[in-house]
Protein backbone atom coordinates (compact mmCIF):
# COMPACT_ATOMS: atom_id res chain seq x y z
CA MET A 1 178.36 147.61 110.66
CA THR A 2 179.71 144.52 108.81
CA GLN A 3 180.25 142.71 112.12
CA THR A 4 176.72 143.54 113.20
CA LEU A 5 175.27 142.16 109.90
CA ARG A 6 177.44 139.02 110.27
CA ILE A 7 176.03 138.38 113.71
CA PHE A 8 172.53 139.06 112.50
CA ARG A 9 172.91 136.59 109.70
CA LYS A 10 174.41 133.93 111.95
CA ASP A 11 171.41 134.33 114.35
CA VAL A 12 168.96 133.95 111.57
CA ARG A 13 170.54 130.66 110.44
CA ARG A 14 170.61 129.47 114.01
CA PHE A 15 166.95 130.21 114.79
CA ARG A 16 165.34 129.79 111.45
CA TYR A 17 162.82 127.16 112.89
CA GLU A 18 161.93 129.34 115.87
CA LEU A 19 161.42 132.23 113.41
CA CYS A 20 159.03 130.18 111.43
CA ALA A 21 156.99 129.33 114.45
CA VAL A 22 156.86 132.94 115.63
CA GLY A 23 155.89 134.05 112.12
CA ALA A 24 153.09 131.69 112.02
CA LEU A 25 151.85 132.73 115.35
CA THR A 26 152.01 136.41 114.16
CA GLY A 27 149.83 135.50 111.14
CA ALA A 28 147.38 133.65 113.32
CA PHE A 29 147.20 136.63 115.68
CA ALA A 30 146.30 138.95 112.81
CA TRP A 31 143.75 136.60 111.32
CA SER A 32 141.97 135.85 114.58
CA HIS A 33 141.71 139.47 115.61
CA ALA A 34 140.37 140.39 112.19
CA ALA A 35 137.76 137.66 112.49
CA ALA A 36 136.93 138.68 116.03
CA ASP A 37 136.26 142.37 115.19
CA MET A 38 132.71 141.70 113.87
CA PRO A 39 129.39 142.35 115.43
CA GLY A 40 127.73 139.52 117.16
CA PRO A 41 126.40 138.17 120.46
CA PRO A 42 128.27 138.99 123.63
CA GLU A 43 128.99 135.28 124.39
CA LEU A 44 132.47 134.23 123.76
CA SER A 45 132.65 132.98 120.26
CA ARG A 46 135.47 130.75 118.92
CA ALA A 47 137.14 133.75 117.12
CA VAL A 48 137.21 135.91 120.28
CA MET A 49 138.74 133.02 122.31
CA LEU A 50 141.23 132.35 119.59
CA ALA A 51 142.15 136.04 119.35
CA ASP A 52 142.89 136.12 123.13
CA LEU A 53 144.92 132.80 123.02
CA THR A 54 147.05 133.82 120.04
CA ALA A 55 147.88 137.22 121.66
CA ALA A 56 149.05 135.29 124.81
CA PHE A 57 150.94 132.66 122.87
CA LEU A 58 152.68 135.35 120.70
CA ALA A 59 153.98 137.11 123.81
CA VAL A 60 155.25 133.85 125.25
CA ALA A 61 156.94 132.99 121.91
CA TRP A 62 158.63 136.43 121.92
CA TRP A 63 160.11 135.80 125.41
CA PHE A 64 161.27 132.32 124.43
CA LEU A 65 162.94 133.68 121.22
CA VAL A 66 164.58 136.58 123.08
CA SER A 67 165.93 134.31 125.81
CA GLN A 68 167.47 131.84 123.33
CA LEU A 69 168.83 134.76 121.23
CA ILE A 70 170.64 136.32 124.26
CA HIS A 71 171.72 132.96 125.71
CA GLU A 72 173.35 132.08 122.38
CA GLU A 73 176.23 134.31 123.53
CA SER A 74 175.67 134.08 127.25
CA LEU A 75 176.66 137.01 129.53
CA ALA A 76 176.11 135.42 132.96
CA GLY A 77 178.85 133.21 134.51
CA ASN A 78 182.64 133.11 133.60
CA ARG A 79 182.70 131.06 130.39
CA GLN A 80 181.79 133.48 127.64
CA PHE A 81 183.41 132.03 124.58
CA TRP A 82 182.31 134.86 122.37
CA ILE A 83 184.81 137.33 124.05
CA THR A 84 187.59 135.48 122.13
CA ARG A 85 186.04 136.30 118.81
CA PRO A 86 187.10 139.39 116.83
CA TYR A 87 184.12 141.56 117.49
CA SER A 88 183.19 144.02 120.22
CA TRP A 89 180.23 143.93 122.60
CA ARG A 90 178.74 146.98 120.85
CA HIS A 91 178.39 145.02 117.64
CA LEU A 92 177.08 141.96 119.45
CA LEU A 93 174.38 144.03 121.14
CA ALA A 94 173.53 145.89 117.97
CA GLY A 95 173.15 142.56 116.05
CA LYS A 96 170.77 141.32 118.80
CA LEU A 97 168.68 144.40 118.74
CA LEU A 98 168.50 144.35 114.99
CA PHE A 99 167.24 140.73 115.07
CA ILE A 100 164.44 141.74 117.51
CA VAL A 101 163.30 144.72 115.46
CA VAL A 102 163.25 142.71 112.25
CA PHE A 103 161.58 139.54 113.63
CA VAL A 104 159.34 140.94 116.37
CA ASN A 105 158.57 144.59 115.89
CA LEU A 106 158.08 144.59 112.08
CA PRO A 107 155.92 141.50 111.87
CA LEU A 108 153.82 142.92 114.65
CA PHE A 109 153.60 146.33 112.90
CA ALA A 110 152.45 144.56 109.77
CA ALA A 111 149.83 142.51 111.68
CA GLN A 112 148.50 145.67 113.30
CA ILE A 113 148.14 147.35 109.91
CA ALA A 114 146.27 144.30 108.62
CA ILE A 115 143.88 144.31 111.60
CA LEU A 116 143.15 148.05 111.19
CA ALA A 117 142.44 147.58 107.44
CA ALA A 118 140.15 144.50 108.12
CA ALA A 119 138.13 146.51 110.69
CA GLY A 120 137.56 149.29 108.20
CA TYR A 121 140.01 151.90 109.60
CA GLN A 122 142.73 153.80 107.70
CA PRO A 123 145.98 152.27 108.98
CA PHE A 124 148.36 155.03 108.08
CA ALA A 125 146.08 157.87 109.23
CA GLY A 126 147.02 156.69 112.69
CA LEU A 127 150.69 156.03 112.00
CA PRO A 128 151.97 157.96 115.00
CA ARG A 129 149.73 156.04 117.39
CA LEU A 130 150.74 152.72 115.77
CA LEU A 131 154.34 153.70 116.32
CA TRP A 132 153.58 154.61 119.93
CA MET A 133 152.03 151.11 120.44
CA GLN A 134 155.21 149.61 119.10
CA LEU A 135 157.18 151.56 121.64
CA ALA A 136 154.91 150.54 124.48
CA VAL A 137 155.17 146.80 123.52
CA THR A 138 158.94 147.17 123.33
CA MET A 139 159.11 148.79 126.79
CA VAL A 140 156.61 146.50 128.48
CA LEU A 141 157.43 143.12 126.99
CA ILE A 142 160.63 143.06 125.06
CA ALA A 143 162.99 145.22 127.21
CA PRO A 144 162.30 143.26 130.45
CA ALA A 145 162.85 140.01 128.57
CA ILE A 146 166.23 141.18 127.23
CA ALA A 147 167.37 142.29 130.76
CA LEU A 148 166.33 139.07 132.35
CA ALA A 149 167.97 136.97 129.71
CA THR A 150 171.29 138.80 130.21
CA VAL A 151 171.46 137.86 133.94
CA THR A 152 170.46 134.22 133.45
CA ARG A 153 172.68 131.41 131.95
CA ASN A 154 169.97 129.32 130.26
CA LEU A 155 166.25 128.85 129.60
CA ALA A 156 165.77 126.93 133.01
CA GLN A 157 167.00 129.94 134.92
CA PHE A 158 165.02 132.29 132.71
CA VAL A 159 161.73 130.50 133.30
CA MET A 160 162.47 129.99 137.07
CA SER A 161 163.08 133.80 137.41
CA ILE A 162 159.73 134.55 135.69
CA LEU A 163 157.97 132.08 138.20
CA CYS A 164 159.58 133.78 141.14
CA ALA A 165 158.59 137.22 139.82
CA VAL A 166 154.93 136.09 139.45
CA LEU A 167 154.92 134.51 142.96
CA ALA A 168 156.31 137.80 144.43
CA ALA A 169 153.69 139.78 142.54
CA TYR A 170 150.93 137.45 143.83
CA VAL A 171 152.18 137.73 147.48
CA ALA A 172 152.34 141.56 147.11
CA ALA A 173 148.73 141.69 145.75
CA ALA A 174 147.51 139.37 148.40
CA ALA A 175 149.18 141.58 151.14
CA LEU A 176 147.67 144.73 149.76
CA LEU A 177 144.12 143.20 149.29
CA GLY A 178 141.82 144.80 151.77
CA SER A 179 144.21 147.52 152.67
CA GLY A 180 142.43 150.27 150.86
CA ILE A 181 145.25 150.62 148.34
CA ASP A 182 144.16 150.54 144.60
CA ILE A 183 146.34 147.78 143.14
CA SER A 184 144.94 148.41 139.67
CA GLY A 185 146.73 151.69 139.58
CA PRO A 186 145.71 154.81 137.56
CA TRP A 187 147.13 155.20 134.13
CA LEU A 188 149.69 157.77 135.26
CA ASN A 189 151.04 155.42 138.03
CA ARG A 190 151.29 152.70 135.38
CA ALA A 191 153.09 155.05 133.07
CA VAL A 192 155.61 156.12 135.74
CA ALA A 193 156.19 152.48 136.82
CA VAL A 194 156.75 151.41 133.18
CA LEU A 195 159.32 154.18 132.53
CA ILE A 196 161.13 153.28 135.70
CA ALA A 197 161.21 149.53 134.84
CA CYS A 198 162.25 150.24 131.16
CA ALA A 199 165.04 152.53 132.24
CA GLY A 200 166.30 149.92 134.67
CA ALA A 201 166.12 147.17 131.95
CA VAL A 202 168.09 149.26 129.44
CA LEU A 203 170.69 150.00 132.19
CA ILE A 204 170.98 146.24 133.02
CA PHE A 205 171.56 144.94 129.49
CA ARG A 206 173.90 147.84 128.69
CA TRP A 207 175.81 147.15 131.84
CA GLN A 208 175.89 143.41 131.17
CA TYR A 209 177.17 143.72 127.66
CA SER A 210 179.83 146.21 128.50
CA ARG A 211 181.05 144.84 131.94
CA ARG A 212 179.30 141.48 132.55
CA LEU A 213 178.71 142.23 136.29
CA THR A 214 175.89 139.83 136.82
CA ASP A 215 175.52 140.09 140.57
CA ALA A 216 175.41 143.83 140.43
CA SER A 217 172.92 143.74 137.58
CA ILE A 218 170.64 141.47 139.54
CA ILE A 219 170.73 143.80 142.51
CA ALA A 220 170.02 146.71 140.17
CA GLY A 221 167.08 144.74 138.73
CA LEU A 222 165.51 144.07 142.07
CA CYS A 223 165.93 147.67 143.09
CA THR A 224 164.23 148.71 139.86
CA LEU A 225 161.30 146.38 140.47
CA LEU A 226 160.83 147.69 144.05
CA LEU A 227 160.97 151.32 142.92
CA ALA A 228 158.49 150.74 140.04
CA GLY A 229 156.14 148.90 142.32
CA ALA A 230 156.32 151.66 144.93
CA PHE A 231 155.37 154.26 142.28
CA TYR A 232 152.69 151.94 140.83
CA ILE A 233 150.81 151.79 144.10
CA GLY A 234 152.16 154.64 146.11
CA LEU A 235 152.40 157.72 143.88
CA PRO A 236 150.63 160.49 145.96
CA MET A 237 147.42 161.98 144.59
CA GLN A 238 149.01 165.44 144.66
CA ALA A 239 151.99 164.30 142.54
CA GLN A 240 149.58 162.48 140.12
CA TYR A 241 147.65 165.66 139.44
CA ALA A 242 150.66 167.84 139.37
CA LEU A 243 151.86 165.65 136.51
CA ARG A 244 148.46 165.68 134.79
CA SER A 245 148.49 169.50 134.98
CA SER A 246 151.91 169.61 133.26
CA ILE A 247 150.67 167.29 130.57
CA TRP A 248 147.21 168.96 130.04
CA ARG A 249 148.01 172.75 129.69
CA SER A 250 145.86 175.51 128.21
CA GLN A 251 146.26 179.25 128.11
CA GLU A 252 142.44 179.76 128.18
CA THR A 253 141.91 178.65 131.81
CA GLY A 254 143.19 181.68 133.71
CA ALA A 255 139.62 183.02 134.41
CA VAL A 256 138.37 179.83 136.07
CA SER A 257 137.61 180.48 139.69
CA VAL A 258 136.59 178.30 142.72
CA LEU A 259 134.38 180.11 145.22
CA ILE A 260 133.02 178.98 148.70
CA ALA A 261 129.56 179.92 150.05
CA PRO A 262 129.55 182.00 153.22
CA SER A 263 127.85 179.20 155.26
CA ALA A 264 128.22 175.48 155.34
CA GLU A 265 125.56 172.83 156.08
CA ILE A 266 125.34 169.72 158.12
CA ASP A 267 124.22 166.55 156.26
CA ARG A 268 121.69 165.27 158.92
CA SER A 269 120.81 162.31 156.69
CA ASN A 270 124.35 161.01 156.66
CA GLN A 271 125.24 160.50 160.34
CA GLN A 272 126.02 156.76 160.54
CA ASN A 273 129.26 157.32 162.51
CA PRO A 274 128.47 158.98 165.85
CA LEU A 275 132.02 159.99 166.03
CA ASN A 276 131.89 162.25 163.01
CA ILE A 277 130.02 165.19 161.82
CA VAL A 278 129.36 165.17 158.00
CA LEU A 279 129.62 168.59 156.67
CA LEU A 280 128.42 169.85 153.29
CA LEU A 281 130.56 172.68 151.88
CA PRO A 282 128.92 174.50 148.90
CA ILE A 283 131.42 175.24 146.17
CA THR A 284 130.90 177.05 142.92
CA ILE A 285 133.37 176.67 139.95
CA GLY A 286 132.82 179.72 137.74
CA ARG A 287 133.87 181.37 134.55
CA LEU A 288 134.00 178.11 132.61
CA PRO A 289 135.00 178.41 128.98
CA GLY A 290 131.98 177.91 126.64
CA GLY A 291 130.85 174.47 125.96
CA GLU A 292 133.21 172.87 128.57
CA ALA A 293 132.56 170.98 131.74
CA ALA A 294 134.47 171.07 134.99
CA ARG A 295 135.30 167.85 136.78
CA PRO A 296 136.59 168.29 140.33
CA GLU A 297 139.35 165.69 141.02
CA ILE A 298 140.96 166.15 144.35
CA ILE A 299 140.61 168.75 147.10
CA ARG A 300 142.32 169.85 150.30
CA VAL A 301 140.51 172.01 152.92
CA SER A 302 141.77 173.46 156.17
CA PHE A 303 139.86 175.41 158.90
CA GLU A 304 141.06 177.83 161.47
CA ASN A 305 138.82 179.42 164.14
CA PRO A 306 139.40 182.71 166.00
CA ALA A 307 141.01 180.77 168.98
CA GLY A 308 143.64 179.32 166.73
CA LEU A 309 142.37 175.80 166.35
CA HIS A 310 143.45 174.37 163.13
CA TRP A 311 142.22 171.31 161.11
CA SER A 312 143.11 169.99 157.61
CA SER A 313 141.42 167.34 155.56
CA GLY A 314 144.50 166.46 153.56
CA TRP A 315 144.13 165.61 149.84
CA ARG A 316 141.09 163.49 149.17
CA PRO A 317 138.86 162.81 146.12
CA ALA A 318 136.36 165.51 145.27
CA SER A 319 132.60 164.99 145.04
CA ARG A 320 131.87 164.87 141.28
CA TRP A 321 128.90 166.23 139.55
CA TYR A 322 128.06 167.42 135.99
CA PRO A 323 127.74 171.20 135.37
CA VAL A 324 124.54 173.06 134.82
CA SER A 325 124.40 176.30 132.78
CA THR A 326 122.54 179.15 134.68
CA VAL A 327 121.48 182.75 133.79
CA ASP A 328 124.71 183.97 135.43
CA GLY A 329 126.94 182.16 132.86
CA PRO A 330 128.63 178.76 132.73
CA LYS A 331 129.26 177.46 136.24
CA MET A 332 129.11 174.39 138.31
CA ARG A 333 127.72 174.15 141.79
CA TYR A 334 128.16 171.13 144.05
CA GLN A 335 128.49 170.27 147.72
CA GLN A 336 131.85 168.80 148.96
CA VAL A 337 131.33 166.29 151.62
CA LEU A 338 133.64 166.47 154.63
CA ALA A 339 133.71 164.19 157.72
CA LEU A 340 135.04 166.05 160.80
CA PRO A 341 135.63 164.48 164.27
CA ARG A 342 132.61 165.34 166.38
CA ASP A 343 134.75 166.54 169.34
CA LEU A 344 136.68 168.91 167.11
CA TYR A 345 133.55 170.25 165.40
CA ARG A 346 131.96 171.19 168.73
CA ARG A 347 134.80 173.66 169.17
CA ILE A 348 134.19 175.40 165.86
CA GLY A 349 130.44 175.03 165.56
CA ASP A 350 128.22 178.17 165.38
CA GLN A 351 131.42 180.18 164.58
CA THR A 352 132.88 181.87 161.54
CA VAL A 353 136.12 180.18 160.57
CA THR A 354 138.91 180.99 158.10
CA LEU A 355 138.90 178.42 155.30
CA HIS A 356 141.78 177.83 153.01
CA GLY A 357 141.71 175.16 150.20
CA SER A 358 143.16 173.88 147.13
CA MET A 359 141.59 171.84 144.20
CA TYR A 360 142.78 170.09 141.13
CA LEU A 361 140.12 169.95 138.44
CA SER A 362 139.93 169.01 134.87
CA LEU A 363 138.17 170.89 132.02
CA GLU A 364 136.48 168.70 129.44
CA LYS A 365 134.46 168.96 126.33
CA GLN A 366 131.48 166.64 126.56
CA ARG A 367 129.85 165.05 123.58
CA VAL A 368 126.64 162.89 123.75
CA VAL A 369 125.61 160.56 120.82
CA SER A 370 122.37 158.60 120.91
CA LEU A 371 122.51 154.96 119.73
CA PHE A 372 119.51 153.55 118.03
CA PRO A 373 118.57 149.87 117.42
CA GLY A 374 119.10 148.46 113.90
CA SER A 375 121.83 150.94 112.93
CA ALA A 376 125.57 151.57 113.29
CA THR A 377 126.52 154.99 114.82
CA ARG A 378 129.85 156.70 114.65
CA ILE A 379 131.18 157.66 118.10
CA PRO A 380 133.66 160.26 119.08
CA GLY A 381 137.26 158.88 118.86
CA GLY A 382 136.94 157.37 115.42
CA GLY A 383 135.05 154.15 116.16
CA PHE A 384 131.36 153.03 116.02
CA CYS A 385 128.68 151.27 117.94
CA GLU A 386 126.11 149.00 116.41
CA VAL A 387 122.88 148.00 118.12
CA THR A 388 121.07 144.95 116.91
CA ASP A 389 117.96 143.06 117.99
CA ALA A 390 118.51 139.96 120.11
CA ASP A 391 116.24 136.88 120.48
CA ASN A 392 113.88 138.78 122.76
CA GLU A 393 112.16 141.82 121.44
CA LYS A 394 113.21 143.93 124.42
CA MET A 395 116.86 142.72 124.36
CA TYR A 396 119.55 144.38 122.25
CA ASP A 397 123.08 143.36 121.40
CA VAL A 398 125.65 146.17 121.36
CA PHE A 399 128.88 145.95 119.55
CA CYS A 400 131.40 148.87 119.85
CA SER A 401 134.69 149.13 118.08
CA ALA A 402 137.37 151.79 118.26
CA PRO A 403 141.03 152.12 117.09
CA PHE A 404 143.88 152.50 119.60
CA ARG A 405 141.75 152.71 122.75
CA ARG A 406 138.81 151.14 124.41
CA PRO A 407 135.45 152.52 123.15
CA TYR A 408 134.33 153.42 126.61
CA ASN A 409 135.49 153.02 130.24
CA SER A 410 132.35 152.13 132.06
CA SER A 411 128.52 152.02 131.74
CA SER A 412 125.97 153.77 133.87
CA GLY A 413 122.35 152.57 134.11
CA GLY A 414 119.83 155.30 134.39
CA GLY A 415 122.09 158.12 133.49
CA VAL A 416 121.11 161.74 133.12
CA ASP A 417 121.58 163.70 129.96
CA ILE A 418 121.67 167.51 130.30
CA ASP A 419 120.53 169.77 127.39
CA ARG A 420 121.99 173.26 127.66
CA GLY A 421 120.00 174.54 124.70
CA ALA A 422 117.07 176.99 124.56
CA ALA A 423 114.75 174.19 125.66
CA GLY A 424 116.23 174.22 129.13
CA ILE A 425 117.37 171.26 131.08
CA GLU A 426 115.96 167.86 129.95
CA ARG A 427 116.53 164.63 131.86
CA HIS A 428 116.42 161.26 130.24
CA ASN A 429 116.67 157.90 132.00
CA ARG A 430 118.89 156.11 129.60
CA LEU A 431 121.66 153.67 129.74
CA GLN A 432 124.98 155.46 129.21
CA LEU A 433 128.36 154.24 127.87
CA LEU A 434 130.84 156.58 129.49
CA SER A 435 134.26 157.33 127.96
CA LEU A 436 135.67 159.51 130.70
CA TRP A 437 139.19 160.71 131.63
CA GLU A 438 141.73 158.93 129.39
CA SER A 439 145.48 159.04 129.10
CA PRO A 440 146.87 161.04 126.00
CA TRP A 441 148.38 157.80 124.65
CA PRO A 442 146.85 154.69 123.05
CA ASP A 443 145.81 151.90 125.42
CA PHE A 444 148.33 149.11 125.82
CA ALA A 445 147.60 146.02 123.81
CA LEU A 446 148.98 144.02 120.83
CA SER A 447 145.91 144.63 118.74
CA PRO A 448 145.19 148.22 117.69
CA VAL A 449 141.45 147.64 117.47
CA PHE A 450 139.54 147.46 120.77
CA ILE A 451 136.01 145.95 120.89
CA GLU A 452 133.28 145.75 123.60
CA ARG A 453 130.16 143.52 123.47
CA PHE A 454 127.17 143.34 125.82
CA ARG A 455 123.49 142.62 125.90
CA TYR A 456 120.95 144.93 127.55
CA GLU A 457 117.25 145.40 128.07
CA SER A 458 116.02 148.94 128.01
CA GLU A 459 112.95 150.83 126.74
CA SER A 460 114.42 154.37 127.04
CA GLY A 461 117.42 153.93 124.77
CA ILE A 462 121.22 154.16 125.06
CA ALA A 463 123.64 156.98 124.87
CA PHE A 464 127.45 157.31 124.29
CA VAL A 465 129.01 159.99 126.45
CA LYS A 466 132.64 161.15 125.55
CA GLU A 467 134.55 163.59 127.66
CA ASP A 468 137.72 164.91 126.14
CA PRO A 469 140.16 166.33 128.76
CA ARG A 470 141.51 169.74 127.70
CA ALA A 471 143.23 171.01 130.77
CA CYS A 472 144.03 169.97 134.36
CA ILE A 473 144.41 173.01 136.54
CA ARG A 474 144.97 173.83 140.24
CA ARG A 475 142.92 176.57 142.12
CA ASP A 476 143.59 177.78 145.56
CA PHE A 477 140.74 179.56 147.47
CA ALA A 478 140.05 181.24 150.86
CA ALA A 479 136.89 182.47 152.49
CA HIS A 480 135.30 183.23 155.86
CA VAL A 481 132.59 180.54 156.31
CA HIS A 482 130.06 180.25 159.15
CA MET A 483 129.71 176.78 160.66
CA PRO A 484 126.26 175.69 161.89
CA ALA A 485 125.87 174.62 165.42
CA ALA A 486 126.69 170.87 166.22
CA PRO A 487 123.58 168.78 166.45
């Protein structure tokens, strides 16, 4: 422990000027975000631009500081003078990690508390989520910087390696553009990729400090990047929802059932492709828990006719609708769209086939909050939305703020509200702010307060819709279904 503290004090003296610059940037980051978290017009104000710039500059300053810190006792090459000194690699690594925790993590933690307090939130009420954000920043920004610094000799090699990685990412994104692959990645894909990358980074700097095998560490780093990229863009849908079902579990979902109607329909209004037959498969999700909604996620359907002809759709996104309560009890009815090859369908048309299927669906509690001009309204999740009059009497400025995650994911013009009360079903043509399926963890960012601004014109009002995922379950089903004759 004494050797670790000596190394720590030596690094503090060596990088005292760099620490002053990082500390000033951290203070500017906290001040600019506190100033930007205020209602106002959606145009980029000086405070908003400054907040974005200071966050980017702070991340760059961290990477510069980490690279200089590691290169002070370089691990790459064959001229490590520090191995002649009377301390072990464990004390050296511990001293470096202590330096990063004290001068990167703790100042950021203090800045995040200040931003939460300035925005009117209770900082210590969300302490677990604050700590989770610290862990996420360490995994995404700090651990890769340490790993890269351990396999480079100086700042020039460090910067060149970053430029090469950016170029490789650009080439990969350009190659995948237009291929139908979602390069943005769902949150679960991103989480798996970050875990793989962080595990590889920890392995690299542990390996470098203990053995200094730079070539092997570089190869391990490249393999880690390829594996993380493969999971980021290529994690199968079935694997995604199998992981979701293991995260979102509930003992009250055993009664939920998926039923297929005894006859299918042909969508004659959707026959743009002459090679396909568009089939509508009526599906009912029944026995839903009270006050909850079902959201079909992905589905797989296979048919088999009496002659033994077999066809499978494979896993594909399900058609999504909102549930409607009926006199029979809480249930959801919708029509799953399936496109079958016309030649194949002629062989099963006007027959009763055996249908087998599987579906992953999420159960969610839905809450709808109306937002009114001239007032600030609390929204589910701990934030608020404020609607103010703009220059034009029909224009409104909307400012939404929420701690630890974005206030909403998307907006939908002309949405439909469903009232399940005694008054029956009421439909309102209103602008909706949708907070849909979210990860169970805070969104990744340096600031713990997320804001959204926009301007809209509407005479029918605006609503905030929050759906809290409670469970993700899989249901298998089978039925004998009559197929209509081919047109």
